[in-house]
Amino acid sequence: MDLVLPFDTDDPQFARGFEAGRLWEQLATGEPVVMTLHATNIEMAMRMAEARGWVVRGDGLGYEWVHVSFSRQYADDDA
């Protein structure tokens, strides 16, 4: 699979930031989100989920990747 638009840098921090920004925007839609993230972004994913009132669940896909799903957290869910 070819990239739609390759980054103009190989800096891993740029890729992490791009991925986190994409996730932040998807969480803003209010729709459930399912995606694969770099393992290095999981901490930020959990922080973003908490800040926006989402619950995040993940399954490791090896050392570098995690398949995650985000769903809304409601008061009744804590019961």
C-alpha atoms as a PDB file:
ATOM      1  CA  MET A   1       0.000   0.000   0.000  1.00  0.00           C
ATOM      2  CA  ASP A   2       1.397   3.392  -0.955  1.00  0.00           C
ATOM      3  CA  LEU A   3       1.022   6.456   1.211  1.00  0.00           C
ATOM      4  CA  VAL A   4      -1.500   8.990  -0.010  1.00  0.00           C
ATOM      5  CA  LEU A   5       0.805  11.850   0.950  1.00  0.00           C
ATOM      6  CA  PRO A   6       4.213  10.949   2.382  1.00  0.00           C
ATOM      7  CA  PHE A   7       5.509  13.186   5.162  1.00  0.00           C
ATOM      8  CA  ASP A   8       8.387  15.459   4.230  1.00  0.00           C
ATOM      9  CA  THR A   9      10.297  14.313   7.308  1.00  0.00           C
ATOM     10  CA  ASP A  10      11.186  10.984   8.886  1.00  0.00           C
ATOM     11  CA  ASP A  11      10.996  12.434  12.409  1.00  0.00           C
ATOM     12  CA  PRO A  12       8.937  10.006  14.533  1.00  0.00           C
ATOM     13  CA  GLN A  13       7.668  12.892  16.695  1.00  0.00           C
ATOM     14  CA  PHE A  14       6.068  14.502  13.650  1.00  0.00           C
ATOM     15  CA  ALA A  15       4.252  11.248  12.857  1.00  0.00           C
ATOM     16  CA  ARG A  16       3.107  10.928  16.486  1.00  0.00           C
ATOM     17  CA  GLY A  17       1.778  14.484  16.481  1.00  0.00           C
ATOM     18  CA  PHE A  18      -0.045  14.009  13.206  1.00  0.00           C
ATOM     19  CA  GLU A  19      -1.655  10.805  14.467  1.00  0.00           C
ATOM     20  CA  ALA A  20      -2.667  12.423  17.771  1.00  0.00           C
ATOM     21  CA  GLY A  21      -4.169  15.412  15.963  1.00  0.00           C
ATOM     22  CA  ARG A  22      -6.173  13.125  13.723  1.00  0.00           C
ATOM     23  CA  LEU A  23      -7.483  11.249  16.756  1.00  0.00           C
ATOM     24  CA  TRP A  24      -8.381  14.488  18.588  1.00  0.00           C
ATOM     25  CA  GLU A  25     -10.469  15.622  15.613  1.00  0.00           C
ATOM     26  CA  GLN A  26     -12.198  12.247  15.300  1.00  0.00           C
ATOM     27  CA  LEU A  27     -13.148  12.303  18.986  1.00  0.00           C
ATOM     28  CA  ALA A  28     -14.679  15.758  18.455  1.00  0.00           C
ATOM     29  CA  THR A  29     -17.250  14.297  16.041  1.00  0.00           C
ATOM     30  CA  GLY A  30     -19.037  12.465  18.852  1.00  0.00           C
ATOM     31  CA  GLU A  31     -19.085   9.244  16.845  1.00  0.00           C
ATOM     32  CA  PRO A  32     -17.347   6.077  18.117  1.00  0.00           C
ATOM     33  CA  VAL A  33     -13.768   5.788  16.869  1.00  0.00           C
ATOM     34  CA  VAL A  34     -11.913   2.596  15.973  1.00  0.00           C
ATOM     35  CA  MET A  35      -8.351   2.835  14.707  1.00  0.00           C
ATOM     36  CA  THR A  36      -4.824   1.492  14.914  1.00  0.00           C
ATOM     37  CA  LEU A  37      -2.271   3.692  16.701  1.00  0.00           C
ATOM     38  CA  HIS A  38       1.457   3.579  17.242  1.00  0.00           C
ATOM     39  CA  ALA A  39       2.126   2.142  20.693  1.00  0.00           C
ATOM     40  CA  THR A  40       4.085   5.305  21.531  1.00  0.00           C
ATOM     41  CA  ASN A  41       0.835   7.311  21.278  1.00  0.00           C
ATOM     42  CA  ILE A  42      -1.218   5.244  23.696  1.00  0.00           C
ATOM     43  CA  GLU A  43      -0.553   7.498  26.686  1.00  0.00           C
ATOM     44  CA  MET A  44      -1.749  10.533  24.699  1.00  0.00           C
ATOM     45  CA  ALA A  45      -4.751   8.573  23.427  1.00  0.00           C
ATOM     46  CA  MET A  46      -5.765   7.772  27.002  1.00  0.00           C
ATOM     47  CA  ARG A  47      -5.327  11.410  28.055  1.00  0.00           C
ATOM     48  CA  MET A  48      -7.381  12.658  25.109  1.00  0.00           C
ATOM     49  CA  ALA A  49     -10.117  10.118  25.797  1.00  0.00           C
ATOM     50  CA  GLU A  50     -10.325  11.196  29.426  1.00  0.00           C
ATOM     51  CA  ALA A  51     -10.354  14.899  28.513  1.00  0.00           C
ATOM     52  CA  ARG A  52     -13.225  14.395  26.070  1.00  0.00           C
ATOM     53  CA  GLY A  53     -15.229  11.953  28.219  1.00  0.00           C
ATOM     54  CA  TRP A  54     -14.504   8.806  26.216  1.00  0.00           C
ATOM     55  CA  VAL A  55     -13.588   5.279  27.292  1.00  0.00           C
ATOM     56  CA  VAL A  56     -10.687   3.723  25.403  1.00  0.00           C
ATOM     57  CA  ARG A  57     -10.017   0.009  25.004  1.00  0.00           C
ATOM     58  CA  GLY A  58      -7.080  -1.482  23.181  1.00  0.00           C
ATOM     59  CA  ASP A  59      -5.567  -4.714  21.952  1.00  0.00           C
ATOM     60  CA  GLY A  60      -1.866  -4.978  21.217  1.00  0.00           C
ATOM     61  CA  LEU A  61      -0.851  -5.870  17.695  1.00  0.00           C
ATOM     62  CA  GLY A  62       2.773  -6.585  18.434  1.00  0.00           C
ATOM     63  CA  TYR A  63       5.417  -4.243  19.702  1.00  0.00           C
ATOM     64  CA  GLU A  64       4.618  -1.147  17.606  1.00  0.00           C
ATOM     65  CA  TRP A  65       0.856  -1.044  17.079  1.00  0.00           C
ATOM     66  CA  VAL A  66      -2.338  -1.090  19.149  1.00  0.00           C
ATOM     67  CA  HIS A  67      -5.894  -1.475  17.848  1.00  0.00           C
ATOM     68  CA  VAL A  68      -8.072   0.895  19.906  1.00  0.00           C
ATOM     69  CA  SER A  69     -11.739   1.735  20.196  1.00  0.00           C
ATOM     70  CA  PHE A  70     -13.252   4.805  21.828  1.00  0.00           C
ATOM     71  CA  SER A  71     -16.807   4.989  23.111  1.00  0.00           C
ATOM     72  CA  ARG A  72     -18.733   7.550  25.107  1.00  0.00           C
ATOM     73  CA  GLN A  73     -18.625   7.327  28.866  1.00  0.00           C
ATOM     74  CA  TYR A  74     -21.910   7.967  30.620  1.00  0.00           C
ATOM     75  CA  ALA A  75     -22.680   8.169  34.321  1.00  0.00           C
ATOM     76  CA  ASP A  76     -24.714   4.938  34.108  1.00  0.00           C
ATOM     77  CA  ASP A  77     -21.656   3.068  32.785  1.00  0.00           C
ATOM     78  CA  ASP A  78     -19.963   3.312  36.186  1.00  0.00           C
ATOM     79  CA  ALA A  79     -22.705   1.329  37.928  1.00  0.00           C
END
